[in-house]
Amino acid sequence: MRTFLTIALTGAALFCFAGTASAEDAAQGMTELKANLVADSGKAVGSATFRPAEDEGALVSIEVSGLTPGWHGVHMHATGDCSDHADHFKKAGGHMAEGDEKHGFLVKDGPHEGDLPNLWVGADGMGKADYFSEELDLSDLTEGDGTALMIHAGPDDYKTDPAGNSGDRVACGVIGK
């Protein structure tokens, strides 16, 4: 019951984004993007799916297993490169952000488009969540160097730059078609 309540409360907090139209995504034929998540050990730990909303934004669905129980920060990183798992995915760069937007839901000028709510992982090491973000435009996720979905070791405090004091990068997935 407690896990269900936690997930329900997390779900209720997910609708606090502002953003861009994904009608462009549909016009470009993008119906879904995927990311296969790998842990810093190199082991596959899950996946993420990105679907455009009809008017704007995207639904992000994440399923993981084998992670440490508890809250984990989740962010979109500016470079689609998760090849350096032994080095905690440094090649993925910083958060996906535009202009003067700040990191975090609890700060002035925040959040930026790379911010997503925390992910709860149960005692069994499994986690599953759906996030809606009006900030995300699927066509932006595959441009240039691409984008990576990152899961951190601890929870995001939603205010500390650059990553919400959420600790090491423990899982990463390159977003692609």
N, C-alpha and C. Protein backbone atom coordinates (compact mmCIF):
# COMPACT_ATOMS: atom_id res chain seq x y z
N MET A 1 0.83 -1.20 0.00
CA MET A 1 0.00 0.00 0.00
C MET A 1 0.87 1.25 0.00
N ARG A 2 1.94 1.24 0.79
CA ARG A 2 2.81 2.40 0.86
C ARG A 2 3.47 2.68 -0.49
N THR A 3 3.92 1.61 -1.18
CA THR A 3 4.53 1.79 -2.50
C THR A 3 3.51 2.36 -3.47
N PHE A 4 2.28 1.85 -3.44
CA PHE A 4 1.25 2.35 -4.32
C PHE A 4 0.99 3.83 -4.05
N LEU A 5 0.89 4.21 -2.77
CA LEU A 5 0.65 5.60 -2.42
C LEU A 5 1.80 6.48 -2.89
N THR A 6 3.02 6.01 -2.71
CA THR A 6 4.19 6.77 -3.15
C THR A 6 4.15 6.97 -4.66
N ILE A 7 3.84 5.91 -5.40
CA ILE A 7 3.78 6.01 -6.85
C ILE A 7 2.64 6.94 -7.25
N ALA A 8 1.51 6.85 -6.58
CA ALA A 8 0.38 7.71 -6.90
C ALA A 8 0.73 9.18 -6.64
N LEU A 9 1.39 9.45 -5.53
CA LEU A 9 1.79 10.83 -5.23
C LEU A 9 2.81 11.32 -6.23
N THR A 10 3.74 10.46 -6.63
CA THR A 10 4.71 10.83 -7.65
C THR A 10 3.98 11.15 -8.94
N GLY A 11 3.03 10.29 -9.30
CA GLY A 11 2.27 10.52 -10.53
C GLY A 11 1.54 11.85 -10.51
N ALA A 12 1.02 12.23 -9.35
CA ALA A 12 0.30 13.49 -9.24
C ALA A 12 1.23 14.68 -9.43
N ALA A 13 2.49 14.51 -9.11
CA ALA A 13 3.46 15.61 -9.25
C ALA A 13 4.00 15.74 -10.65
N LEU A 14 3.64 14.84 -11.54
CA LEU A 14 4.25 14.80 -12.86
C LEU A 14 3.72 15.83 -13.84
N PHE A 15 2.64 16.48 -13.53
CA PHE A 15 2.01 17.36 -14.48
C PHE A 15 2.38 18.83 -14.26
N CYS A 16 3.64 19.08 -13.93
CA CYS A 16 4.05 20.45 -13.61
C CYS A 16 5.11 20.96 -14.58
N PHE A 17 4.91 20.76 -15.84
CA PHE A 17 5.87 21.19 -16.85
C PHE A 17 5.21 22.21 -17.78
N ALA A 18 6.03 22.96 -18.55
CA ALA A 18 5.49 23.89 -19.54
C ALA A 18 6.33 23.83 -20.79
N GLY A 19 5.73 23.87 -22.03
CA GLY A 19 6.63 23.63 -23.12
C GLY A 19 6.29 23.79 -24.57
N THR A 20 6.69 22.80 -25.39
CA THR A 20 6.70 22.91 -26.83
C THR A 20 5.71 21.95 -27.47
N ALA A 21 5.36 22.23 -28.71
CA ALA A 21 4.36 21.44 -29.40
C ALA A 21 4.94 20.16 -29.97
N SER A 22 4.22 19.05 -29.80
CA SER A 22 4.66 17.82 -30.44
C SER A 22 3.80 17.51 -31.66
N ALA A 23 2.98 18.46 -32.09
CA ALA A 23 2.30 18.31 -33.37
C ALA A 23 3.36 18.20 -34.45
N GLU A 24 4.51 18.87 -34.24
CA GLU A 24 5.65 18.76 -35.16
C GLU A 24 6.13 17.33 -35.22
N ASP A 25 6.17 16.64 -34.09
CA ASP A 25 6.61 15.26 -34.05
C ASP A 25 5.73 14.39 -34.94
N ALA A 26 4.43 14.56 -34.79
CA ALA A 26 3.50 13.77 -35.59
C ALA A 26 3.67 14.09 -37.07
N ALA A 27 3.86 15.38 -37.40
CA ALA A 27 4.06 15.79 -38.78
C ALA A 27 5.32 15.17 -39.36
N GLN A 28 6.34 14.95 -38.52
CA GLN A 28 7.59 14.34 -38.97
C GLN A 28 7.53 12.83 -38.91
N GLY A 29 6.38 12.27 -38.55
CA GLY A 29 6.21 10.83 -38.52
C GLY A 29 6.78 10.16 -37.28
N MET A 30 7.13 10.93 -36.25
CA MET A 30 7.65 10.34 -35.02
C MET A 30 6.50 9.92 -34.14
N THR A 31 6.34 8.61 -34.00
CA THR A 31 5.28 8.12 -33.14
C THR A 31 5.82 7.60 -31.82
N GLU A 32 7.12 7.25 -31.79
CA GLU A 32 7.69 6.71 -30.57
C GLU A 32 9.22 6.66 -30.67
N LEU A 33 9.88 6.97 -29.58
CA LEU A 33 11.33 6.81 -29.47
C LEU A 33 11.60 5.90 -28.29
N LYS A 34 12.73 5.20 -28.33
CA LYS A 34 13.07 4.27 -27.25
C LYS A 34 14.50 4.49 -26.78
N ALA A 35 14.75 4.07 -25.55
CA ALA A 35 16.09 4.05 -24.98
C ALA A 35 16.25 2.78 -24.18
N ASN A 36 17.29 2.01 -24.46
CA ASN A 36 17.61 0.84 -23.67
C ASN A 36 18.59 1.28 -22.60
N LEU A 37 18.23 1.05 -21.34
CA LEU A 37 19.02 1.54 -20.21
C LEU A 37 20.05 0.50 -19.78
N VAL A 38 21.28 0.98 -19.58
CA VAL A 38 22.37 0.14 -19.13
C VAL A 38 22.93 0.73 -17.83
N ALA A 39 23.29 -0.14 -16.88
CA ALA A 39 23.85 0.31 -15.61
C ALA A 39 25.32 0.65 -15.77
N ASP A 40 25.88 1.30 -14.76
CA ASP A 40 27.30 1.63 -14.79
C ASP A 40 28.18 0.38 -14.76
N SER A 41 27.59 -0.78 -14.50
CA SER A 41 28.30 -2.06 -14.56
C SER A 41 28.34 -2.61 -15.99
N GLY A 42 27.54 -2.02 -16.89
CA GLY A 42 27.43 -2.48 -18.26
C GLY A 42 26.25 -3.40 -18.48
N LYS A 43 25.54 -3.76 -17.43
CA LYS A 43 24.39 -4.66 -17.51
C LYS A 43 23.12 -3.91 -17.92
N ALA A 44 22.31 -4.55 -18.78
CA ALA A 44 21.02 -3.98 -19.16
C ALA A 44 20.10 -3.96 -17.95
N VAL A 45 19.45 -2.80 -17.70
CA VAL A 45 18.58 -2.67 -16.52
C VAL A 45 17.18 -2.17 -16.83
N GLY A 46 16.87 -1.93 -18.10
CA GLY A 46 15.51 -1.49 -18.40
C GLY A 46 15.41 -0.73 -19.69
N SER A 47 14.30 0.00 -19.81
CA SER A 47 14.04 0.75 -21.03
C SER A 47 13.16 1.96 -20.74
N ALA A 48 13.15 2.86 -21.70
CA ALA A 48 12.28 4.04 -21.64
C ALA A 48 11.67 4.22 -23.02
N THR A 49 10.42 4.66 -23.04
CA THR A 49 9.71 4.93 -24.28
C THR A 49 9.19 6.36 -24.22
N PHE A 50 9.29 7.07 -25.35
CA PHE A 50 8.87 8.47 -25.46
C PHE A 50 7.81 8.54 -26.55
N ARG A 51 6.61 9.02 -26.18
CA ARG A 51 5.51 9.13 -27.14
C ARG A 51 5.03 10.58 -27.17
N PRO A 52 4.81 11.14 -28.37
CA PRO A 52 4.33 12.52 -28.45
C PRO A 52 2.88 12.63 -28.01
N ALA A 53 2.57 13.72 -27.31
CA ALA A 53 1.18 14.03 -26.98
C ALA A 53 0.54 14.67 -28.21
N GLU A 54 -0.77 14.69 -28.26
CA GLU A 54 -1.45 15.22 -29.44
C GLU A 54 -1.17 16.70 -29.66
N ASP A 55 -1.21 17.50 -28.60
CA ASP A 55 -1.02 18.94 -28.76
C ASP A 55 0.41 19.38 -28.52
N GLU A 56 0.99 18.98 -27.39
CA GLU A 56 2.36 19.36 -27.07
C GLU A 56 2.92 18.42 -26.02
N GLY A 57 4.24 18.32 -25.99
CA GLY A 57 4.89 17.52 -24.98
C GLY A 57 5.00 16.06 -25.33
N ALA A 58 5.39 15.27 -24.32
CA ALA A 58 5.60 13.84 -24.53
C ALA A 58 5.34 13.07 -23.25
N LEU A 59 4.92 11.82 -23.42
CA LEU A 59 4.79 10.89 -22.32
C LEU A 59 6.05 10.03 -22.29
N VAL A 60 6.71 10.01 -21.14
CA VAL A 60 7.93 9.22 -20.95
C VAL A 60 7.58 8.07 -20.02
N SER A 61 7.76 6.84 -20.49
CA SER A 61 7.49 5.64 -19.69
C SER A 61 8.81 4.93 -19.42
N ILE A 62 9.08 4.66 -18.14
CA ILE A 62 10.34 4.04 -17.74
C ILE A 62 10.05 2.76 -16.97
N GLU A 63 10.78 1.69 -17.28
CA GLU A 63 10.75 0.43 -16.53
C GLU A 63 12.19 0.01 -16.27
N VAL A 64 12.52 -0.24 -14.99
CA VAL A 64 13.87 -0.66 -14.62
C VAL A 64 13.83 -1.84 -13.67
N SER A 65 14.93 -2.56 -13.61
CA SER A 65 15.11 -3.63 -12.63
C SER A 65 16.59 -3.68 -12.27
N GLY A 66 16.88 -4.19 -11.08
CA GLY A 66 18.27 -4.33 -10.66
C GLY A 66 18.90 -3.07 -10.11
N LEU A 67 18.09 -2.04 -9.82
CA LEU A 67 18.64 -0.81 -9.24
C LEU A 67 18.48 -0.84 -7.72
N THR A 68 19.21 -0.01 -7.04
CA THR A 68 19.14 0.11 -5.59
C THR A 68 17.76 0.64 -5.19
N PRO A 69 17.11 0.05 -4.20
CA PRO A 69 15.81 0.56 -3.76
C PRO A 69 15.89 2.00 -3.27
N GLY A 70 14.80 2.75 -3.49
CA GLY A 70 14.70 4.14 -3.06
C GLY A 70 14.45 5.06 -4.23
N TRP A 71 14.54 6.36 -3.95
CA TRP A 71 14.30 7.40 -4.95
C TRP A 71 15.56 7.64 -5.78
N HIS A 72 15.34 7.88 -7.08
CA HIS A 72 16.44 8.15 -8.02
C HIS A 72 16.09 9.36 -8.89
N GLY A 73 17.03 10.28 -9.01
CA GLY A 73 16.85 11.41 -9.92
C GLY A 73 16.86 10.92 -11.36
N VAL A 74 16.03 11.53 -12.20
CA VAL A 74 15.94 11.18 -13.62
C VAL A 74 16.07 12.47 -14.43
N HIS A 75 16.97 12.46 -15.40
CA HIS A 75 17.21 13.66 -16.20
C HIS A 75 17.47 13.30 -17.66
N MET A 76 17.22 14.25 -18.52
CA MET A 76 17.58 14.14 -19.94
C MET A 76 18.94 14.83 -20.08
N HIS A 77 19.90 14.13 -20.66
CA HIS A 77 21.24 14.69 -20.85
C HIS A 77 21.47 15.05 -22.31
N ALA A 78 22.31 16.07 -22.53
CA ALA A 78 22.45 16.75 -23.82
C ALA A 78 23.14 15.94 -24.91
N THR A 79 23.82 14.85 -24.58
CA THR A 79 24.52 14.07 -25.59
C THR A 79 24.10 12.61 -25.51
N GLY A 80 23.74 12.06 -26.64
CA GLY A 80 23.31 10.66 -26.70
C GLY A 80 24.48 9.71 -26.75
N ASP A 81 25.23 9.61 -25.66
CA ASP A 81 26.39 8.72 -25.60
C ASP A 81 26.48 8.10 -24.21
N CYS A 82 26.23 6.80 -24.12
CA CYS A 82 26.30 6.07 -22.85
C CYS A 82 27.40 5.01 -22.92
N SER A 83 28.36 5.20 -23.79
CA SER A 83 29.39 4.18 -24.03
C SER A 83 30.40 4.04 -22.91
N ASP A 84 30.52 5.03 -22.05
CA ASP A 84 31.54 5.01 -20.99
C ASP A 84 30.94 4.64 -19.63
N HIS A 85 30.24 3.50 -19.58
CA HIS A 85 29.56 3.11 -18.34
C HIS A 85 30.51 2.99 -17.16
N ALA A 86 31.73 2.55 -17.37
CA ALA A 86 32.68 2.40 -16.27
C ALA A 86 33.11 3.75 -15.70
N ASP A 87 32.91 4.81 -16.48
CA ASP A 87 33.26 6.17 -16.05
C ASP A 87 32.01 6.97 -15.70
N HIS A 88 30.93 6.29 -15.35
CA HIS A 88 29.66 6.90 -14.93
C HIS A 88 29.05 7.81 -15.99
N PHE A 89 29.17 7.43 -17.25
CA PHE A 89 28.46 8.07 -18.35
C PHE A 89 28.79 9.56 -18.53
N LYS A 90 30.01 9.95 -18.31
CA LYS A 90 30.40 11.35 -18.46
C LYS A 90 30.21 11.87 -19.88
N LYS A 91 30.32 10.98 -20.88
CA LYS A 91 30.17 11.39 -22.28
C LYS A 91 28.77 11.91 -22.59
N ALA A 92 27.80 11.61 -21.72
CA ALA A 92 26.43 12.10 -21.94
C ALA A 92 26.30 13.59 -21.66
N GLY A 93 27.34 14.21 -21.12
CA GLY A 93 27.33 15.65 -20.87
C GLY A 93 26.37 16.06 -19.77
N GLY A 94 26.05 17.36 -19.77
CA GLY A 94 25.14 17.92 -18.79
C GLY A 94 23.70 17.77 -19.21
N HIS A 95 22.82 18.40 -18.46
CA HIS A 95 21.39 18.30 -18.73
C HIS A 95 21.00 19.01 -20.02
N MET A 96 19.98 18.50 -20.64
CA MET A 96 19.36 19.12 -21.79
C MET A 96 18.65 20.37 -21.28
N ALA A 97 19.12 21.55 -21.67
CA ALA A 97 18.53 22.80 -21.19
C ALA A 97 18.76 23.89 -22.22
N GLU A 98 17.81 24.80 -22.31
CA GLU A 98 17.91 25.92 -23.24
C GLU A 98 17.94 27.23 -22.49
N GLY A 99 18.68 28.18 -23.00
CA GLY A 99 18.67 29.54 -22.47
C GLY A 99 19.03 29.65 -21.01
N ASP A 100 18.27 30.48 -20.29
CA ASP A 100 18.55 30.77 -18.89
C ASP A 100 17.75 29.91 -17.91
N GLU A 101 17.14 28.83 -18.42
CA GLU A 101 16.37 27.96 -17.53
C GLU A 101 17.29 27.33 -16.50
N LYS A 102 16.79 27.21 -15.27
CA LYS A 102 17.54 26.63 -14.16
C LYS A 102 17.08 25.21 -13.90
N HIS A 103 17.95 24.44 -13.22
CA HIS A 103 17.58 23.09 -12.82
C HIS A 103 16.62 23.13 -11.63
N GLY A 104 15.60 22.31 -11.69
CA GLY A 104 14.75 22.10 -10.54
C GLY A 104 13.35 22.67 -10.64
N PHE A 105 12.42 21.95 -10.06
CA PHE A 105 11.03 22.36 -10.03
C PHE A 105 10.76 23.41 -8.96
N LEU A 106 11.66 23.53 -7.99
CA LEU A 106 11.43 24.40 -6.83
C LEU A 106 12.23 25.70 -6.89
N VAL A 107 12.75 26.07 -8.05
CA VAL A 107 13.55 27.29 -8.16
C VAL A 107 12.96 28.24 -9.19
N LYS A 108 13.24 29.52 -8.99
CA LYS A 108 12.85 30.52 -9.98
C LYS A 108 13.56 30.19 -11.29
N ASP A 109 12.90 30.37 -12.39
CA ASP A 109 13.42 30.10 -13.73
C ASP A 109 13.63 28.62 -14.00
N GLY A 110 13.02 27.74 -13.23
CA GLY A 110 13.09 26.31 -13.47
C GLY A 110 11.69 25.79 -13.76
N PRO A 111 11.54 24.60 -14.18
CA PRO A 111 12.59 23.66 -14.53
C PRO A 111 13.03 23.83 -15.98
N HIS A 112 14.14 23.19 -16.34
CA HIS A 112 14.54 23.15 -17.75
C HIS A 112 14.04 21.84 -18.35
N GLU A 113 14.16 21.71 -19.67
CA GLU A 113 13.56 20.56 -20.34
C GLU A 113 14.21 19.23 -19.97
N GLY A 114 15.39 19.23 -19.36
CA GLY A 114 16.03 17.99 -18.94
C GLY A 114 15.56 17.47 -17.60
N ASP A 115 14.74 18.23 -16.90
CA ASP A 115 14.26 17.83 -15.57
C ASP A 115 13.04 16.90 -15.67
N LEU A 116 13.12 15.79 -14.95
CA LEU A 116 11.99 14.89 -14.79
C LEU A 116 11.85 14.57 -13.31
N PRO A 117 10.68 14.17 -12.86
CA PRO A 117 10.51 13.80 -11.45
C PRO A 117 11.33 12.56 -11.07
N ASN A 118 11.52 12.38 -9.79
CA ASN A 118 12.24 11.22 -9.28
C ASN A 118 11.51 9.92 -9.61
N LEU A 119 12.29 8.84 -9.66
CA LEU A 119 11.77 7.50 -9.92
C LEU A 119 11.89 6.68 -8.63
N TRP A 120 10.81 6.02 -8.22
CA TRP A 120 10.83 5.15 -7.05
C TRP A 120 11.16 3.73 -7.48
N VAL A 121 12.17 3.14 -6.83
CA VAL A 121 12.53 1.74 -7.06
C VAL A 121 12.22 0.99 -5.78
N GLY A 122 11.44 -0.07 -5.89
CA GLY A 122 11.01 -0.85 -4.73
C GLY A 122 12.11 -1.74 -4.17
N ALA A 123 11.79 -2.42 -3.08
CA ALA A 123 12.74 -3.31 -2.40
C ALA A 123 13.22 -4.44 -3.32
N ASP A 124 12.42 -4.76 -4.33
CA ASP A 124 12.79 -5.81 -5.29
C ASP A 124 13.70 -5.30 -6.40
N GLY A 125 14.08 -4.01 -6.35
CA GLY A 125 14.96 -3.43 -7.36
C GLY A 125 14.26 -3.00 -8.63
N MET A 126 12.92 -3.07 -8.62
CA MET A 126 12.15 -2.72 -9.82
C MET A 126 11.46 -1.38 -9.66
N GLY A 127 11.38 -0.65 -10.76
CA GLY A 127 10.68 0.62 -10.78
C GLY A 127 9.97 0.81 -12.11
N LYS A 128 8.85 1.50 -12.06
CA LYS A 128 8.08 1.76 -13.27
C LYS A 128 7.37 3.09 -13.07
N ALA A 129 7.44 3.96 -14.06
CA ALA A 129 6.79 5.27 -13.95
C ALA A 129 6.44 5.81 -15.33
N ASP A 130 5.40 6.61 -15.36
CA ASP A 130 5.03 7.39 -16.54
C ASP A 130 5.14 8.86 -16.15
N TYR A 131 5.82 9.64 -16.97
CA TYR A 131 5.97 11.08 -16.74
C TYR A 131 5.41 11.80 -17.95
N PHE A 132 4.68 12.87 -17.73
CA PHE A 132 4.28 13.73 -18.84
C PHE A 132 5.07 15.02 -18.75
N SER A 133 5.70 15.40 -19.84
CA SER A 133 6.44 16.66 -19.88
C SER A 133 6.04 17.47 -21.10
N GLU A 134 5.52 18.68 -20.85
CA GLU A 134 5.22 19.59 -21.95
C GLU A 134 6.51 20.17 -22.52
N GLU A 135 7.61 20.03 -21.80
CA GLU A 135 8.91 20.55 -22.23
C GLU A 135 9.51 19.77 -23.38
N LEU A 136 9.23 18.48 -23.47
CA LEU A 136 9.91 17.62 -24.44
C LEU A 136 9.24 17.63 -25.80
N ASP A 137 10.07 17.77 -26.82
CA ASP A 137 9.66 17.68 -28.21
C ASP A 137 10.50 16.54 -28.80
N LEU A 138 9.88 15.46 -29.24
CA LEU A 138 10.63 14.29 -29.69
C LEU A 138 11.64 14.61 -30.78
N SER A 139 11.32 15.54 -31.66
CA SER A 139 12.27 15.87 -32.74
C SER A 139 13.57 16.45 -32.17
N ASP A 140 13.51 17.12 -31.02
CA ASP A 140 14.72 17.66 -30.38
C ASP A 140 15.60 16.57 -29.81
N LEU A 141 15.02 15.43 -29.45
CA LEU A 141 15.77 14.38 -28.77
C LEU A 141 16.74 13.63 -29.68
N THR A 142 16.51 13.70 -31.00
CA THR A 142 17.37 12.97 -31.93
C THR A 142 18.24 13.89 -32.79
N GLU A 143 18.14 15.19 -32.58
CA GLU A 143 18.94 16.14 -33.36
C GLU A 143 20.39 16.18 -32.87
N GLY A 144 21.29 16.58 -33.76
CA GLY A 144 22.69 16.78 -33.39
C GLY A 144 23.31 15.55 -32.76
N ASP A 145 23.82 15.71 -31.54
CA ASP A 145 24.48 14.61 -30.83
C ASP A 145 23.50 13.68 -30.13
N GLY A 146 22.21 13.89 -30.32
CA GLY A 146 21.21 13.06 -29.68
C GLY A 146 21.04 13.42 -28.22
N THR A 147 20.34 12.57 -27.49
CA THR A 147 20.01 12.81 -26.09
C THR A 147 20.07 11.48 -25.35
N ALA A 148 20.36 11.55 -24.05
CA ALA A 148 20.37 10.35 -23.21
C ALA A 148 19.46 10.55 -22.02
N LEU A 149 18.79 9.49 -21.61
CA LEU A 149 18.03 9.48 -20.36
C LEU A 149 18.97 8.96 -19.28
N MET A 150 19.10 9.67 -18.17
CA MET A 150 20.03 9.31 -17.11
C MET A 150 19.27 9.07 -15.81
N ILE A 151 19.67 8.03 -15.09
CA ILE A 151 19.14 7.76 -13.75
C ILE A 151 20.31 7.89 -12.78
N HIS A 152 20.08 8.62 -11.70
CA HIS A 152 21.11 8.88 -10.70
C HIS A 152 20.93 7.99 -9.47
N ALA A 153 21.98 7.90 -8.65
CA ALA A 153 22.00 7.03 -7.47
C ALA A 153 21.02 7.46 -6.39
N GLY A 154 20.77 8.76 -6.25
CA GLY A 154 19.90 9.26 -5.19
C GLY A 154 18.82 10.16 -5.74
N PRO A 155 17.97 10.67 -4.85
CA PRO A 155 16.87 11.54 -5.29
C PRO A 155 17.34 12.94 -5.67
N ASP A 156 16.64 13.53 -6.60
CA ASP A 156 16.84 14.93 -6.98
C ASP A 156 16.13 15.78 -5.94
N ASP A 157 16.81 16.80 -5.40
CA ASP A 157 16.17 17.69 -4.43
C ASP A 157 15.37 18.79 -5.11
N TYR A 158 15.36 18.81 -6.43
CA TYR A 158 14.60 19.74 -7.26
C TYR A 158 15.03 21.20 -7.13
N LYS A 159 16.24 21.46 -6.60
CA LYS A 159 16.67 22.85 -6.47
C LYS A 159 18.16 23.07 -6.66
N THR A 160 19.00 22.09 -6.40
CA THR A 160 20.44 22.28 -6.46
C THR A 160 20.96 22.09 -7.88
N ASP A 161 21.71 23.07 -8.37
CA ASP A 161 22.36 22.96 -9.68
C ASP A 161 23.65 22.18 -9.52
N PRO A 162 24.06 21.34 -10.45
CA PRO A 162 23.41 21.13 -11.74
C PRO A 162 22.47 19.92 -11.79
N ALA A 163 22.53 19.01 -10.82
CA ALA A 163 21.77 17.77 -10.94
C ALA A 163 20.92 17.45 -9.71
N GLY A 164 20.56 18.46 -8.94
CA GLY A 164 19.69 18.24 -7.80
C GLY A 164 20.32 17.44 -6.68
N ASN A 165 21.65 17.45 -6.63
CA ASN A 165 22.36 16.73 -5.57
C ASN A 165 21.96 15.24 -5.56
N SER A 166 21.76 14.68 -6.76
CA SER A 166 21.24 13.32 -6.88
C SER A 166 22.32 12.24 -7.01
N GLY A 167 23.56 12.61 -6.89
CA GLY A 167 24.62 11.60 -6.85
C GLY A 167 25.09 11.10 -8.20
N ASP A 168 25.81 9.97 -8.13
CA ASP A 168 26.41 9.38 -9.33
C ASP A 168 25.37 9.01 -10.36
N ARG A 169 25.81 8.92 -11.59
CA ARG A 169 24.99 8.44 -12.69
C ARG A 169 25.08 6.92 -12.65
N VAL A 170 23.94 6.24 -12.51
CA VAL A 170 23.97 4.79 -12.36
C VAL A 170 23.35 4.03 -13.52
N ALA A 171 22.57 4.70 -14.38
CA ALA A 171 22.00 4.04 -15.56
C ALA A 171 21.78 5.08 -16.64
N CYS A 172 21.95 4.65 -17.89
CA CYS A 172 21.88 5.59 -19.03
C CYS A 172 21.33 4.87 -20.24
N GLY A 173 20.58 5.61 -21.06
CA GLY A 173 20.06 5.06 -22.31
C GLY A 173 20.05 6.11 -23.38
N VAL A 174 20.57 5.78 -24.55
CA VAL A 174 20.56 6.69 -25.71
C VAL A 174 19.18 6.62 -26.34
N ILE A 175 18.59 7.78 -26.59
CA ILE A 175 17.24 7.85 -27.14
C ILE A 175 17.33 7.79 -28.66
N GLY A 176 16.60 6.83 -29.23
CA GLY A 176 16.61 6.65 -30.67
C GLY A 176 15.30 6.10 -31.16
N LYS A 177 15.18 5.96 -32.47
CA LYS A 177 13.94 5.45 -33.08
C LYS A 177 13.83 3.96 -32.92
